[in-house]
N, C-alpha and C. Protein backbone atom coordinates (compact mmCIF):
# COMPACT_ATOMS: atom_id res chain seq x y z
N UNK A 1 18.40 -68.60 -86.57
CA UNK A 1 18.75 -69.76 -85.80
C UNK A 1 19.68 -69.33 -84.69
N UNK A 2 19.37 -69.61 -83.45
CA UNK A 2 20.26 -69.24 -82.35
C UNK A 2 21.51 -70.12 -82.33
N UNK A 3 22.56 -69.56 -81.79
CA UNK A 3 23.81 -70.31 -81.64
C UNK A 3 24.50 -69.86 -80.37
N UNK A 4 25.31 -70.73 -79.84
CA UNK A 4 26.07 -70.41 -78.63
C UNK A 4 27.56 -70.36 -78.94
N UNK A 5 28.23 -69.53 -78.18
CA UNK A 5 29.68 -69.43 -78.30
C UNK A 5 30.20 -68.84 -77.00
N UNK A 6 31.43 -69.14 -76.67
CA UNK A 6 32.02 -68.56 -75.46
C UNK A 6 32.25 -67.07 -75.64
N UNK A 7 32.39 -66.62 -76.89
CA UNK A 7 32.56 -65.20 -77.17
C UNK A 7 31.39 -64.74 -78.03
N UNK A 8 30.73 -63.68 -77.62
CA UNK A 8 29.51 -63.24 -78.30
C UNK A 8 29.74 -62.91 -79.76
N UNK A 9 30.88 -62.40 -80.11
CA UNK A 9 31.16 -62.05 -81.51
C UNK A 9 31.30 -63.28 -82.40
N UNK A 10 31.52 -64.45 -81.82
CA UNK A 10 31.65 -65.69 -82.60
C UNK A 10 30.30 -66.37 -82.82
N UNK A 11 29.28 -66.01 -82.06
CA UNK A 11 27.97 -66.65 -82.16
C UNK A 11 27.33 -66.50 -83.54
N UNK A 12 27.37 -65.31 -84.16
CA UNK A 12 26.77 -65.20 -85.50
C UNK A 12 27.40 -66.16 -86.51
N UNK A 13 28.71 -66.32 -86.48
CA UNK A 13 29.36 -67.24 -87.42
C UNK A 13 28.88 -68.66 -87.20
N UNK A 14 28.69 -69.05 -85.95
CA UNK A 14 28.18 -70.40 -85.65
C UNK A 14 26.75 -70.55 -86.16
N UNK A 15 25.94 -69.52 -86.00
CA UNK A 15 24.55 -69.58 -86.48
C UNK A 15 24.51 -69.66 -88.00
N UNK A 16 25.32 -68.84 -88.68
CA UNK A 16 25.35 -68.87 -90.15
C UNK A 16 25.84 -70.21 -90.67
N UNK A 17 26.81 -70.81 -90.00
CA UNK A 17 27.30 -72.12 -90.42
C UNK A 17 26.19 -73.17 -90.31
N UNK A 18 25.38 -73.08 -89.27
CA UNK A 18 24.28 -74.02 -89.11
C UNK A 18 23.20 -73.77 -90.16
N UNK A 19 22.88 -72.52 -90.42
CA UNK A 19 21.84 -72.17 -91.39
C UNK A 19 22.23 -72.63 -92.79
N UNK A 20 23.48 -72.55 -93.13
CA UNK A 20 23.93 -72.95 -94.47
C UNK A 20 23.70 -74.43 -94.74
N UNK A 21 23.47 -75.22 -93.70
CA UNK A 21 23.21 -76.65 -93.86
C UNK A 21 21.74 -76.95 -94.14
N UNK A 22 20.89 -75.94 -94.02
CA UNK A 22 19.46 -76.10 -94.25
C UNK A 22 19.14 -75.72 -95.69
N UNK A 23 18.55 -76.64 -96.43
CA UNK A 23 18.25 -76.39 -97.84
C UNK A 23 16.81 -76.78 -98.16
N UNK A 24 16.10 -75.88 -98.81
CA UNK A 24 14.79 -76.17 -99.39
C UNK A 24 14.49 -75.10 -100.44
N UNK A 25 13.59 -75.38 -101.33
CA UNK A 25 13.26 -74.45 -102.41
C UNK A 25 12.83 -73.10 -101.84
N UNK A 26 13.42 -72.05 -102.35
CA UNK A 26 13.07 -70.70 -101.93
C UNK A 26 13.71 -70.25 -100.62
N UNK A 27 14.57 -71.08 -100.05
CA UNK A 27 15.19 -70.71 -98.78
C UNK A 27 16.17 -69.55 -98.96
N UNK A 28 16.19 -68.66 -97.99
CA UNK A 28 17.18 -67.59 -97.96
C UNK A 28 17.31 -67.12 -96.52
N UNK A 29 18.40 -66.43 -96.22
CA UNK A 29 18.58 -65.88 -94.89
C UNK A 29 19.39 -64.60 -94.99
N UNK A 30 19.30 -63.80 -93.96
CA UNK A 30 19.99 -62.51 -93.95
C UNK A 30 21.27 -62.63 -93.13
N UNK A 31 22.30 -61.95 -93.57
CA UNK A 31 23.57 -61.91 -92.84
C UNK A 31 23.80 -60.57 -92.14
N UNK A 32 22.87 -59.65 -92.28
CA UNK A 32 23.08 -58.33 -91.71
C UNK A 32 22.50 -58.14 -90.31
N UNK A 33 21.70 -59.06 -89.83
CA UNK A 33 21.02 -58.85 -88.56
C UNK A 33 21.97 -58.83 -87.36
N UNK A 34 22.92 -59.71 -87.31
CA UNK A 34 23.87 -59.71 -86.18
C UNK A 34 24.70 -58.44 -86.19
N UNK A 35 25.13 -58.01 -87.37
CA UNK A 35 25.92 -56.78 -87.46
C UNK A 35 25.11 -55.59 -86.95
N UNK A 36 23.83 -55.55 -87.32
CA UNK A 36 22.96 -54.47 -86.86
C UNK A 36 22.82 -54.50 -85.34
N UNK A 37 22.66 -55.68 -84.78
CA UNK A 37 22.54 -55.81 -83.32
C UNK A 37 23.80 -55.33 -82.61
N UNK A 38 24.96 -55.66 -83.15
CA UNK A 38 26.21 -55.21 -82.53
C UNK A 38 26.35 -53.69 -82.63
N UNK A 39 25.92 -53.09 -83.74
CA UNK A 39 25.98 -51.63 -83.88
C UNK A 39 25.03 -50.97 -82.89
N UNK A 40 23.82 -51.49 -82.73
CA UNK A 40 22.87 -50.91 -81.80
C UNK A 40 23.34 -51.02 -80.36
N UNK A 41 23.99 -52.12 -80.04
CA UNK A 41 24.49 -52.33 -78.67
C UNK A 41 25.61 -51.35 -78.33
N UNK A 42 26.36 -50.92 -79.33
CA UNK A 42 27.48 -50.00 -79.11
C UNK A 42 27.01 -48.58 -78.78
N UNK A 43 25.74 -48.28 -79.06
CA UNK A 43 25.22 -46.93 -78.83
C UNK A 43 25.01 -46.70 -77.35
């Protein structure tokens, strides 16, 4: 789920907060994708 923030490092937290409000049987989400993107960008 995309999210906006004035600071790019805060956007993942906003997206995760929104995703946590979505519930259905079998639902799951990953928390490692934003961290991976930030690591790749640092290269």
